[in-house]
Amino acid sequence: MGGEESTMAHYMFRGSYTQAGIQGVMEAGAASRTDVVEKLFASLGGSLTSLFWTFGEEDFVVIGELPDNAAAAAAAMSVAAAGGSSVATTVLLTEAEVDDARGRTATFRAPGR
């Protein structure tokens, strides 16, 4: 997995279409949605890494890079406010970020102890 490290944060957006949303996909095609998502990421200073169509609990999974959490929140809020789909956001960590976290000391006490 190594390779070039990006300075941008990585996010995964999972979502489900409403009836109207999936009707829009059926009318305009999946490629039209990919174009919209690419433009969404670009408008916030990021880039789309991948978009997958799924079936089950979610209808799509999007992975991309954005400058920060505020940009990710803006993307999610824009999608939700537009209607047509619901979206959930997950912050993705690189191996370097996990190793950085692993090396930090945190103070915590479990409940009841």
PDB file of N, CA and C in Angstrom:
ATOM      1  N   MET A   1       0.820  -1.193   0.000  1.00  0.00           N
ATOM      2  CA  MET A   1       0.000   0.000   0.000  1.00  0.00           C
ATOM      3  C   MET A   1       0.860   1.251   0.000  1.00  0.00           C
ATOM      4  N   GLY A   2       2.092   1.211   0.340  1.00  0.00           N
ATOM      5  CA  GLY A   2       2.966   2.379   0.445  1.00  0.00           C
ATOM      6  C   GLY A   2       2.701   3.436  -0.592  1.00  0.00           C
ATOM      7  N   GLY A   3       3.701   3.916  -1.229  1.00  0.00           N
ATOM      8  CA  GLY A   3       3.531   4.906  -2.263  1.00  0.00           C
ATOM      9  C   GLY A   3       3.539   6.314  -1.713  1.00  0.00           C
ATOM     10  N   GLU A   4       3.064   7.233  -2.552  1.00  0.00           N
ATOM     11  CA  GLU A   4       3.059   8.642  -2.218  1.00  0.00           C
ATOM     12  C   GLU A   4       2.046   8.957  -1.138  1.00  0.00           C
ATOM     13  N   GLU A   5       2.452   9.741  -0.159  1.00  0.00           N
ATOM     14  CA  GLU A   5       1.542  10.177   0.897  1.00  0.00           C
ATOM     15  C   GLU A   5       0.840  11.452   0.441  1.00  0.00           C
ATOM     16  N   SER A   6      -0.454  11.484   0.599  1.00  0.00           N
ATOM     17  CA  SER A   6      -1.214  12.672   0.280  1.00  0.00           C
ATOM     18  C   SER A   6      -1.295  13.551   1.512  1.00  0.00           C
ATOM     19  N   THR A   7      -1.306  14.859   1.305  1.00  0.00           N
ATOM     20  CA  THR A   7      -1.442  15.771   2.433  1.00  0.00           C
ATOM     21  C   THR A   7      -2.909  16.025   2.759  1.00  0.00           C
ATOM     22  N   MET A   8      -3.797  15.537   1.941  1.00  0.00           N
ATOM     23  CA  MET A   8      -5.228  15.716   2.189  1.00  0.00           C
ATOM     24  C   MET A   8      -5.788  14.557   2.991  1.00  0.00           C
ATOM     25  N   ALA A   9      -6.873  14.854   3.684  1.00  0.00           N
ATOM     26  CA  ALA A   9      -7.569  13.820   4.443  1.00  0.00           C
ATOM     27  C   ALA A   9      -8.417  12.975   3.491  1.00  0.00           C
ATOM     28  N   HIS A  10      -8.621  11.725   3.861  1.00  0.00           N
ATOM     29  CA  HIS A  10      -9.399  10.790   3.046  1.00  0.00           C
ATOM     30  C   HIS A  10     -10.740  10.520   3.739  1.00  0.00           C
ATOM     31  N   TYR A  11     -11.784  10.423   2.938  1.00  0.00           N
ATOM     32  CA  TYR A  11     -13.130  10.210   3.466  1.00  0.00           C
ATOM     33  C   TYR A  11     -13.862   9.172   2.637  1.00  0.00           C
ATOM     34  N   MET A  12     -14.757   8.454   3.314  1.00  0.00           N
ATOM     35  CA  MET A  12     -15.672   7.537   2.642  1.00  0.00           C
ATOM     36  C   MET A  12     -17.088   8.026   2.929  1.00  0.00           C
ATOM     37  N   PHE A  13     -17.853   8.184   1.878  1.00  0.00           N
ATOM     38  CA  PHE A  13     -19.259   8.563   1.995  1.00  0.00           C
ATOM     39  C   PHE A  13     -20.095   7.385   1.511  1.00  0.00           C
ATOM     40  N   ARG A  14     -21.013   6.935   2.347  1.00  0.00           N
ATOM     41  CA  ARG A  14     -21.925   5.852   1.974  1.00  0.00           C
ATOM     42  C   ARG A  14     -23.325   6.440   1.950  1.00  0.00           C
ATOM     43  N   GLY A  15     -24.111   6.045   0.974  1.00  0.00           N
ATOM     44  CA  GLY A  15     -25.436   6.634   0.912  1.00  0.00           C
ATOM     45  C   GLY A  15     -26.478   5.757   0.263  1.00  0.00           C
ATOM     46  N   SER A  16     -27.701   6.190   0.470  1.00  0.00           N
ATOM     47  CA  SER A  16     -28.862   5.510  -0.097  1.00  0.00           C
ATOM     48  C   SER A  16     -29.732   6.531  -0.810  1.00  0.00           C
ATOM     49  N   TYR A  17     -30.245   6.137  -1.945  1.00  0.00           N
ATOM     50  CA  TYR A  17     -31.129   7.015  -2.715  1.00  0.00           C
ATOM     51  C   TYR A  17     -32.560   6.933  -2.218  1.00  0.00           C
ATOM     52  N   THR A  18     -33.249   8.048  -2.331  1.00  0.00           N
ATOM     53  CA  THR A  18     -34.700   8.050  -2.168  1.00  0.00           C
ATOM     54  C   THR A  18     -35.286   7.511  -3.467  1.00  0.00           C
ATOM     55  N   GLN A  19     -36.586   7.343  -3.501  1.00  0.00           N
ATOM     56  CA  GLN A  19     -37.219   6.888  -4.735  1.00  0.00           C
ATOM     57  C   GLN A  19     -36.945   7.870  -5.872  1.00  0.00           C
ATOM     58  N   ALA A  20     -37.067   9.160  -5.589  1.00  0.00           N
ATOM     59  CA  ALA A  20     -36.811  10.170  -6.623  1.00  0.00           C
ATOM     60  C   ALA A  20     -35.344  10.136  -7.058  1.00  0.00           C
ATOM     61  N   GLY A  21     -34.438   9.914  -6.105  1.00  0.00           N
ATOM     62  CA  GLY A  21     -33.020   9.871  -6.434  1.00  0.00           C
ATOM     63  C   GLY A  21     -32.673   8.737  -7.369  1.00  0.00           C
ATOM     64  N   ILE A  22     -33.173   7.541  -7.088  1.00  0.00           N
ATOM     65  CA  ILE A  22     -32.858   6.405  -7.959  1.00  0.00           C
ATOM     66  C   ILE A  22     -33.547   6.552  -9.311  1.00  0.00           C
ATOM     67  N   GLN A  23     -34.703   7.200  -9.324  1.00  0.00           N
ATOM     68  CA  GLN A  23     -35.347   7.470 -10.616  1.00  0.00           C
ATOM     69  C   GLN A  23     -34.469   8.396 -11.458  1.00  0.00           C
ATOM     70  N   GLY A  24     -33.830   9.374 -10.808  1.00  0.00           N
ATOM     71  CA  GLY A  24     -32.913  10.263 -11.517  1.00  0.00           C
ATOM     72  C   GLY A  24     -31.721   9.513 -12.095  1.00  0.00           C
ATOM     73  N   VAL A  25     -31.184   8.563 -11.342  1.00  0.00           N
ATOM     74  CA  VAL A  25     -30.071   7.750 -11.832  1.00  0.00           C
ATOM     75  C   VAL A  25     -30.527   6.914 -13.019  1.00  0.00           C
ATOM     76  N   MET A  26     -31.709   6.345 -12.920  1.00  0.00           N
ATOM     77  CA  MET A  26     -32.218   5.513 -14.011  1.00  0.00           C
ATOM     78  C   MET A  26     -32.454   6.328 -15.276  1.00  0.00           C
ATOM     79  N   GLU A  27     -32.855   7.572 -15.129  1.00  0.00           N
ATOM     80  CA  GLU A  27     -33.094   8.431 -16.293  1.00  0.00           C
ATOM     81  C   GLU A  27     -31.800   8.931 -16.922  1.00  0.00           C
ATOM     82  N   ALA A  28     -30.858   9.405 -16.080  1.00  0.00           N
ATOM     83  CA  ALA A  28     -29.653  10.057 -16.601  1.00  0.00           C
ATOM     84  C   ALA A  28     -28.445   9.127 -16.689  1.00  0.00           C
ATOM     85  N   GLY A  29     -28.475   8.006 -15.992  1.00  0.00           N
ATOM     86  CA  GLY A  29     -27.358   7.063 -16.021  1.00  0.00           C
ATOM     87  C   GLY A  29     -26.353   7.313 -14.909  1.00  0.00           C
ATOM     88  N   ALA A  30     -25.617   6.278 -14.570  1.00  0.00           N
ATOM     89  CA  ALA A  30     -24.645   6.335 -13.472  1.00  0.00           C
ATOM     90  C   ALA A  30     -23.509   7.310 -13.753  1.00  0.00           C
ATOM     91  N   ALA A  31     -23.081   7.398 -15.009  1.00  0.00           N
ATOM     92  CA  ALA A  31     -21.965   8.295 -15.340  1.00  0.00           C
ATOM     93  C   ALA A  31     -22.296   9.744 -15.028  1.00  0.00           C
ATOM     94  N   SER A  32     -23.565  10.109 -15.130  1.00  0.00           N
ATOM     95  CA  SER A  32     -23.948  11.485 -14.821  1.00  0.00           C
ATOM     96  C   SER A  32     -23.727  11.790 -13.344  1.00  0.00           C
ATOM     97  N   ARG A  33     -23.934  10.821 -12.477  1.00  0.00           N
ATOM     98  CA  ARG A  33     -23.722  11.016 -11.034  1.00  0.00           C
ATOM     99  C   ARG A  33     -22.233  11.088 -10.726  1.00  0.00           C
ATOM    100  N   THR A  34     -21.434  10.286 -11.412  1.00  0.00           N
ATOM    101  CA  THR A  34     -19.993  10.337 -11.192  1.00  0.00           C
ATOM    102  C   THR A  34     -19.469  11.721 -11.524  1.00  0.00           C
ATOM    103  N   ASP A  35     -19.935  12.295 -12.620  1.00  0.00           N
ATOM    104  CA  ASP A  35     -19.531  13.642 -13.020  1.00  0.00           C
ATOM    105  C   ASP A  35     -19.908  14.665 -11.946  1.00  0.00           C
ATOM    106  N   VAL A  36     -21.099  14.547 -11.395  1.00  0.00           N
ATOM    107  CA  VAL A  36     -21.557  15.467 -10.346  1.00  0.00           C
ATOM    108  C   VAL A  36     -20.678  15.347  -9.108  1.00  0.00           C
ATOM    109  N   VAL A  37     -20.342  14.126  -8.717  1.00  0.00           N
ATOM    110  CA  VAL A  37     -19.530  13.903  -7.517  1.00  0.00           C
ATOM    111  C   VAL A  37     -18.102  14.413  -7.731  1.00  0.00           C
ATOM    112  N   GLU A  38     -17.549  14.217  -8.923  1.00  0.00           N
ATOM    113  CA  GLU A  38     -16.222  14.762  -9.229  1.00  0.00           C
ATOM    114  C   GLU A  38     -16.222  16.281  -9.071  1.00  0.00           C
ATOM    115  N   LYS A  39     -17.264  16.928  -9.571  1.00  0.00           N
ATOM    116  CA  LYS A  39     -17.372  18.391  -9.472  1.00  0.00           C
ATOM    117  C   LYS A  39     -17.566  18.832  -8.024  1.00  0.00           C
ATOM    118  N   LEU A  40     -18.315  18.063  -7.240  1.00  0.00           N
ATOM    119  CA  LEU A  40     -18.499  18.373  -5.824  1.00  0.00           C
ATOM    120  C   LEU A  40     -17.153  18.394  -5.109  1.00  0.00           C
ATOM    121  N   PHE A  41     -16.356  17.338  -5.280  1.00  0.00           N
ATOM    122  CA  PHE A  41     -15.046  17.271  -4.630  1.00  0.00           C
ATOM    123  C   PHE A  41     -14.146  18.408  -5.105  1.00  0.00           C
ATOM    124  N   ALA A  42     -14.119  18.666  -6.401  1.00  0.00           N
ATOM    125  CA  ALA A  42     -13.274  19.728  -6.945  1.00  0.00           C
ATOM    126  C   ALA A  42     -13.681  21.091  -6.387  1.00  0.00           C
ATOM    127  N   SER A  43     -14.985  21.316  -6.225  1.00  0.00           N
ATOM    128  CA  SER A  43     -15.458  22.615  -5.722  1.00  0.00           C
ATOM    129  C   SER A  43     -15.008  22.873  -4.292  1.00  0.00           C
ATOM    130  N   LEU A  44     -14.649  21.809  -3.577  1.00  0.00           N
ATOM    131  CA  LEU A  44     -14.200  21.934  -2.189  1.00  0.00           C
ATOM    132  C   LEU A  44     -12.686  21.747  -2.051  1.00  0.00           C
ATOM    133  N   GLY A  45     -11.978  21.753  -3.180  1.00  0.00           N
ATOM    134  CA  GLY A  45     -10.527  21.651  -3.157  1.00  0.00           C
ATOM    135  C   GLY A  45      -9.999  20.239  -3.061  1.00  0.00           C
ATOM    136  N   GLY A  46     -10.833  19.250  -3.367  1.00  0.00           N
ATOM    137  CA  GLY A  46     -10.426  17.855  -3.259  1.00  0.00           C
ATOM    138  C   GLY A  46     -10.532  17.114  -4.567  1.00  0.00           C
ATOM    139  N   SER A  47     -10.500  15.795  -4.469  1.00  0.00           N
ATOM    140  CA  SER A  47     -10.638  14.980  -5.668  1.00  0.00           C
ATOM    141  C   SER A  47     -11.316  13.655  -5.334  1.00  0.00           C
ATOM    142  N   LEU A  48     -12.079  13.169  -6.277  1.00  0.00           N
ATOM    143  CA  LEU A  48     -12.742  11.876  -6.161  1.00  0.00           C
ATOM    144  C   LEU A  48     -11.716  10.786  -6.436  1.00  0.00           C
ATOM    145  N   THR A  49     -11.639   9.812  -5.541  1.00  0.00           N
ATOM    146  CA  THR A  49     -10.745   8.680  -5.734  1.00  0.00           C
ATOM    147  C   THR A  49     -11.484   7.536  -6.416  1.00  0.00           C
ATOM    148  N   SER A  50     -12.677   7.211  -5.898  1.00  0.00           N
ATOM    149  CA  SER A  50     -13.469   6.137  -6.500  1.00  0.00           C
ATOM    150  C   SER A  50     -14.926   6.267  -6.091  1.00  0.00           C
ATOM    151  N   LEU A  51     -15.779   5.742  -6.944  1.00  0.00           N
ATOM    152  CA  LEU A  51     -17.216   5.696  -6.684  1.00  0.00           C
ATOM    153  C   LEU A  51     -17.689   4.315  -7.095  1.00  0.00           C
ATOM    154  N   PHE A  52     -18.336   3.639  -6.167  1.00  0.00           N
ATOM    155  CA  PHE A  52     -18.868   2.306  -6.438  1.00  0.00           C
ATOM    156  C   PHE A  52     -20.365   2.306  -6.208  1.00  0.00           C
ATOM    157  N   TRP A  53     -21.077   1.609  -7.066  1.00  0.00           N
ATOM    158  CA  TRP A  53     -22.508   1.387  -6.894  1.00  0.00           C
ATOM    159  C   TRP A  53     -22.657   0.089  -6.134  1.00  0.00           C
ATOM    160  N   THR A  54     -23.558   0.063  -5.193  1.00  0.00           N
ATOM    161  CA  THR A  54     -23.707  -1.109  -4.342  1.00  0.00           C
ATOM    162  C   THR A  54     -25.173  -1.501  -4.256  1.00  0.00           C
ATOM    163  N   PHE A  55     -25.428  -2.670  -3.710  1.00  0.00           N
ATOM    164  CA  PHE A  55     -26.791  -3.016  -3.343  1.00  0.00           C
ATOM    165  C   PHE A  55     -26.754  -3.633  -1.964  1.00  0.00           C
ATOM    166  N   GLY A  56     -27.828  -3.474  -1.242  1.00  0.00           N
ATOM    167  CA  GLY A  56     -27.873  -3.845   0.165  1.00  0.00           C
ATOM    168  C   GLY A  56     -28.332  -2.627   0.939  1.00  0.00           C
ATOM    169  N   GLU A  57     -27.682  -2.356   2.071  1.00  0.00           N
ATOM    170  CA  GLU A  57     -28.080  -1.219   2.888  1.00  0.00           C
ATOM    171  C   GLU A  57     -27.806   0.116   2.208  1.00  0.00           C
ATOM    172  N   GLU A  58     -26.733   0.212   1.451  1.00  0.00           N
ATOM    173  CA  GLU A  58     -26.392   1.441   0.752  1.00  0.00           C
ATOM    174  C   GLU A  58     -26.480   1.233  -0.757  1.00  0.00           C
ATOM    175  N   ASP A  59     -26.628   2.337  -1.456  1.00  0.00           N
ATOM    176  CA  ASP A  59     -26.684   2.305  -2.918  1.00  0.00           C
ATOM    177  C   ASP A  59     -25.377   2.738  -3.565  1.00  0.00           C
ATOM    178  N   PHE A  60     -24.551   3.463  -2.810  1.00  0.00           N
ATOM    179  CA  PHE A  60     -23.269   3.910  -3.356  1.00  0.00           C
ATOM    180  C   PHE A  60     -22.255   4.104  -2.240  1.00  0.00           C
ATOM    181  N   VAL A  61     -20.962   3.989  -2.625  1.00  0.00           N
ATOM    182  CA  VAL A  61     -19.840   4.279  -1.742  1.00  0.00           C
ATOM    183  C   VAL A  61     -18.889   5.166  -2.534  1.00  0.00           C
ATOM    184  N   VAL A  62     -18.526   6.282  -1.943  1.00  0.00           N
ATOM    185  CA  VAL A  62     -17.625   7.244  -2.566  1.00  0.00           C
ATOM    186  C   VAL A  62     -16.400   7.386  -1.677  1.00  0.00           C
ATOM    187  N   ILE A  63     -15.225   7.359  -2.266  1.00  0.00           N
ATOM    188  CA  ILE A  63     -13.992   7.607  -1.528  1.00  0.00           C
ATOM    189  C   ILE A  63     -13.270   8.750  -2.223  1.00  0.00           C
ATOM    190  N   GLY A  64     -12.827   9.703  -1.416  1.00  0.00           N
ATOM    191  CA  GLY A  64     -12.143  10.844  -1.995  1.00  0.00           C
ATOM    192  C   GLY A  64     -11.272  11.559  -0.993  1.00  0.00           C
ATOM    193  N   GLU A  65     -10.563  12.551  -1.499  1.00  0.00           N
ATOM    194  CA  GLU A  65      -9.685  13.374  -0.679  1.00  0.00           C
ATOM    195  C   GLU A  65     -10.262  14.781  -0.597  1.00  0.00           C
ATOM    196  N   LEU A  66     -10.223  15.344   0.607  1.00  0.00           N
ATOM    197  CA  LEU A  66     -10.666  16.713   0.830  1.00  0.00           C
ATOM    198  C   LEU A  66      -9.680  17.374   1.781  1.00  0.00           C
ATOM    199  N   PRO A  67      -9.608  18.699   1.751  1.00  0.00           N
ATOM    200  CA  PRO A  67      -8.616  19.390   2.568  1.00  0.00           C
ATOM    201  C   PRO A  67      -8.767  19.182   4.075  1.00  0.00           C
ATOM    202  N   ASP A  68     -10.019  19.043   4.555  1.00  0.00           N
ATOM    203  CA  ASP A  68     -10.215  18.955   6.000  1.00  0.00           C
ATOM    204  C   ASP A  68     -11.644  18.502   6.320  1.00  0.00           C
ATOM    205  N   ASN A  69     -11.906  18.352   7.620  1.00  0.00           N
ATOM    206  CA  ASN A  69     -13.222  17.889   8.060  1.00  0.00           C
ATOM    207  C   ASN A  69     -14.336  18.857   7.686  1.00  0.00           C
ATOM    208  N   ALA A  70     -14.047  20.151   7.691  1.00  0.00           N
ATOM    209  CA  ALA A  70     -15.069  21.135   7.314  1.00  0.00           C
ATOM    210  C   ALA A  70     -15.490  20.945   5.854  1.00  0.00           C
ATOM    211  N   ALA A  71     -14.535  20.642   4.984  1.00  0.00           N
ATOM    212  CA  ALA A  71     -14.859  20.393   3.583  1.00  0.00           C
ATOM    213  C   ALA A  71     -15.701  19.125   3.453  1.00  0.00           C
ATOM    214  N   ALA A  72     -15.366  18.096   4.230  1.00  0.00           N
ATOM    215  CA  ALA A  72     -16.149  16.854   4.206  1.00  0.00           C
ATOM    216  C   ALA A  72     -17.562  17.106   4.708  1.00  0.00           C
ATOM    217  N   ALA A  73     -17.689  17.905   5.764  1.00  0.00           N
ATOM    218  CA  ALA A  73     -19.013  18.239   6.285  1.00  0.00           C
ATOM    219  C   ALA A  73     -19.811  19.032   5.251  1.00  0.00           C
ATOM    220  N   ALA A  74     -19.147  19.950   4.559  1.00  0.00           N
ATOM    221  CA  ALA A  74     -19.823  20.726   3.512  1.00  0.00           C
ATOM    222  C   ALA A  74     -20.317  19.819   2.391  1.00  0.00           C
ATOM    223  N   ALA A  75     -19.517  18.837   2.020  1.00  0.00           N
ATOM    224  CA  ALA A  75     -19.937  17.888   0.978  1.00  0.00           C
ATOM    225  C   ALA A  75     -21.162  17.105   1.436  1.00  0.00           C
ATOM    226  N   ALA A  76     -21.095  16.551   2.641  1.00  0.00           N
ATOM    227  CA  ALA A  76     -22.210  15.747   3.156  1.00  0.00           C
ATOM    228  C   ALA A  76     -23.472  16.587   3.313  1.00  0.00           C
ATOM    229  N   MET A  77     -23.334  17.810   3.828  1.00  0.00           N
ATOM    230  CA  MET A  77     -24.509  18.671   4.005  1.00  0.00           C
ATOM    231  C   MET A  77     -25.114  19.071   2.663  1.00  0.00           C
ATOM    232  N   SER A  78     -24.266  19.325   1.674  1.00  0.00           N
ATOM    233  CA  SER A  78     -24.769  19.693   0.345  1.00  0.00           C
ATOM    234  C   SER A  78     -25.560  18.553  -0.272  1.00  0.00           C
ATOM    235  N   VAL A  79     -25.049  17.331  -0.138  1.00  0.00           N
ATOM    236  CA  VAL A  79     -25.743  16.160  -0.682  1.00  0.00           C
ATOM    237  C   VAL A  79     -27.075  15.960   0.038  1.00  0.00           C
ATOM    238  N   ALA A  80     -27.057  16.020   1.361  1.00  0.00           N
ATOM    239  CA  ALA A  80     -28.284  15.815   2.136  1.00  0.00           C
ATOM    240  C   ALA A  80     -29.311  16.911   1.869  1.00  0.00           C
ATOM    241  N   ALA A  81     -28.857  18.153   1.789  1.00  0.00           N
ATOM    242  CA  ALA A  81     -29.777  19.275   1.577  1.00  0.00           C
ATOM    243  C   ALA A  81     -30.407  19.255   0.188  1.00  0.00           C
ATOM    244  N   ALA A  82     -29.698  18.697  -0.785  1.00  0.00           N
ATOM    245  CA  ALA A  82     -30.222  18.646  -2.152  1.00  0.00           C
ATOM    246  C   ALA A  82     -31.371  17.659  -2.276  1.00  0.00           C
ATOM    247  N   GLY A  83     -31.478  16.719  -1.343  1.00  0.00           N
ATOM    248  CA  GLY A  83     -32.500  15.680  -1.446  1.00  0.00           C
ATOM    249  C   GLY A  83     -32.062  14.612  -2.424  1.00  0.00           C
ATOM    250  N   GLY A  84     -32.788  13.557  -2.476  1.00  0.00           N
ATOM    251  CA  GLY A  84     -32.478  12.485  -3.411  1.00  0.00           C
ATOM    252  C   GLY A  84     -31.661  11.366  -2.806  1.00  0.00           C
ATOM    253  N   SER A  85     -30.944  11.665  -1.710  1.00  0.00           N
ATOM    254  CA  SER A  85     -30.172  10.606  -1.061  1.00  0.00           C
ATOM    255  C   SER A  85     -29.821  11.024   0.365  1.00  0.00           C
ATOM    256  N   SER A  86     -29.528  10.021   1.163  1.00  0.00           N
ATOM    257  CA  SER A  86     -28.973  10.253   2.489  1.00  0.00           C
ATOM    258  C   SER A  86     -27.518   9.841   2.426  1.00  0.00           C
ATOM    259  N   VAL A  87     -26.701  10.384   3.323  1.00  0.00           N
ATOM    260  CA  VAL A  87     -25.265  10.098   3.263  1.00  0.00           C
ATOM    261  C   VAL A  87     -24.690  10.003   4.675  1.00  0.00           C
ATOM    262  N   ALA A  88     -23.738   9.100   4.856  1.00  0.00           N
ATOM    263  CA  ALA A  88     -22.990   8.965   6.103  1.00  0.00           C
ATOM    264  C   ALA A  88     -21.513   9.070   5.758  1.00  0.00           C
ATOM    265  N   THR A  89     -20.763   9.761   6.594  1.00  0.00           N
ATOM    266  CA  THR A  89     -19.356  10.041   6.332  1.00  0.00           C
ATOM    267  C   THR A  89     -18.452   9.299   7.308  1.00  0.00           C
ATOM    268  N   THR A  90     -17.372   8.724   6.798  1.00  0.00           N
ATOM    269  CA  THR A  90     -16.368   8.076   7.621  1.00  0.00           C
ATOM    270  C   THR A  90     -15.011   8.674   7.291  1.00  0.00           C
ATOM    271  N   VAL A  91     -14.287   9.116   8.319  1.00  0.00           N
ATOM    272  CA  VAL A  91     -12.925   9.598   8.120  1.00  0.00           C
ATOM    273  C   VAL A  91     -12.025   8.377   7.968  1.00  0.00           C
ATOM    274  N   LEU A  92     -11.189   8.366   6.943  1.00  0.00           N
ATOM    275  CA  LEU A  92     -10.267   7.260   6.693  1.00  0.00           C
ATOM    276  C   LEU A  92      -8.861   7.666   7.132  1.00  0.00           C
ATOM    277  N   LEU A  93      -8.143   6.746   7.746  1.00  0.00           N
ATOM    278  CA  LEU A  93      -6.790   7.012   8.220  1.00  0.00           C
ATOM    279  C   LEU A  93      -5.768   6.246   7.400  1.00  0.00           C
ATOM    280  N   THR A  94      -4.654   6.872   7.146  1.00  0.00           N
ATOM    281  CA  THR A  94      -3.550   6.191   6.474  1.00  0.00           C
ATOM    282  C   THR A  94      -2.774   5.383   7.513  1.00  0.00           C
ATOM    283  N   GLU A  95      -1.883   4.517   7.058  1.00  0.00           N
ATOM    284  CA  GLU A  95      -1.061   3.753   8.003  1.00  0.00           C
ATOM    285  C   GLU A  95      -0.175   4.690   8.818  1.00  0.00           C
ATOM    286  N   ALA A  96       0.305   5.772   8.215  1.00  0.00           N
ATOM    287  CA  ALA A  96       1.124   6.743   8.948  1.00  0.00           C
ATOM    288  C   ALA A  96       0.317   7.407  10.063  1.00  0.00           C
ATOM    289  N   GLU A  97      -0.945   7.710   9.801  1.00  0.00           N
ATOM    290  CA  GLU A  97      -1.783   8.321  10.829  1.00  0.00           C
ATOM    291  C   GLU A  97      -2.066   7.351  11.975  1.00  0.00           C
ATOM    292  N   VAL A  98      -2.283   6.084  11.642  1.00  0.00           N
ATOM    293  CA  VAL A  98      -2.502   5.081  12.689  1.00  0.00           C
ATOM    294  C   VAL A  98      -1.243   4.926  13.532  1.00  0.00           C
ATOM    295  N   ASP A  99      -0.074   4.887  12.892  1.00  0.00           N
ATOM    296  CA  ASP A  99       1.177   4.768  13.633  1.00  0.00           C
ATOM    297  C   ASP A  99       1.431   6.009  14.493  1.00  0.00           C
ATOM    298  N   ASP A 100       1.056   7.181  13.989  1.00  0.00           N
ATOM    299  CA  ASP A 100       1.172   8.409  14.776  1.00  0.00           C
ATOM    300  C   ASP A 100       0.279   8.306  16.017  1.00  0.00           C
ATOM    301  N   ALA A 101      -0.960   7.872  15.830  1.00  0.00           N
ATOM    302  CA  ALA A 101      -1.895   7.723  16.951  1.00  0.00           C
ATOM    303  C   ALA A 101      -1.383   6.681  17.950  1.00  0.00           C
ATOM    304  N   ARG A 102      -0.827   5.612  17.435  1.00  0.00           N
ATOM    305  CA  ARG A 102      -0.299   4.529  18.275  1.00  0.00           C
ATOM    306  C   ARG A 102       0.811   5.036  19.182  1.00  0.00           C
ATOM    307  N   GLY A 103       1.569   6.008  18.720  1.00  0.00           N
ATOM    308  CA  GLY A 103       2.685   6.534  19.482  1.00  0.00           C
ATOM    309  C   GLY A 103       2.316   7.614  20.490  1.00  0.00           C
ATOM    310  N   ARG A 104       1.069   8.031  20.520  1.00  0.00           N
ATOM    311  CA  ARG A 104       0.644   9.074  21.450  1.00  0.00           C
ATOM    312  C   ARG A 104       0.143   8.470  22.751  1.00  0.00           C
ATOM    313  N   THR A 105       0.316   9.214  23.821  1.00  0.00           N
ATOM    314  CA  THR A 105      -0.153   8.751  25.127  1.00  0.00           C
ATOM    315  C   THR A 105      -1.473   9.467  25.445  1.00  0.00           C
ATOM    316  N   ALA A 106      -2.478   8.681  25.742  1.00  0.00           N
ATOM    317  CA  ALA A 106      -3.794   9.231  26.079  1.00  0.00           C
ATOM    318  C   ALA A 106      -4.182   8.772  27.477  1.00  0.00           C
ATOM    319  N   THR A 107      -4.851   9.639  28.227  1.00  0.00           N
ATOM    320  CA  THR A 107      -5.330   9.295  29.561  1.00  0.00           C
ATOM    321  C   THR A 107      -6.813   8.978  29.454  1.00  0.00           C
ATOM    322  N   PHE A 108      -7.190   7.800  29.952  1.00  0.00           N
ATOM    323  CA  PHE A 108      -8.585   7.369  29.879  1.00  0.00           C
ATOM    324  C   PHE A 108      -8.870   6.407  31.002  1.00  0.00           C
ATOM    325  N   ARG A 109     -10.077   6.478  31.548  1.00  0.00           N
ATOM    326  CA  ARG A 109     -10.532   5.546  32.572  1.00  0.00           C
ATOM    327  C   ARG A 109     -11.862   4.970  32.122  1.00  0.00           C
ATOM    328  N   ALA A 110     -11.960   3.658  32.147  1.00  0.00           N
ATOM    329  CA  ALA A 110     -13.213   3.002  31.757  1.00  0.00           C
ATOM    330  C   ALA A 110     -14.302   3.311  32.779  1.00  0.00           C
ATOM    331  N   PRO A 111     -15.564   3.376  32.366  1.00  0.00           N
ATOM    332  CA  PRO A 111     -16.644   3.626  33.304  1.00  0.00           C
ATOM    333  C   PRO A 111     -16.672   2.578  34.413  1.00  0.00           C
ATOM    334  N   GLY A 112     -16.941   3.007  35.638  1.00  0.00           N
ATOM    335  CA  GLY A 112     -17.055   2.088  36.751  1.00  0.00           C
ATOM    336  C   GLY A 112     -15.737   1.625  37.337  1.00  0.00           C
ATOM    337  N   ARG A 113     -14.632   2.150  36.922  1.00  0.00           N
ATOM    338  CA  ARG A 113     -13.314   1.727  37.438  1.00  0.00           C
ATOM    339  C   ARG A 113     -12.700   2.818  38.254  1.00  0.00           C
TER     340      ARG A 113
END
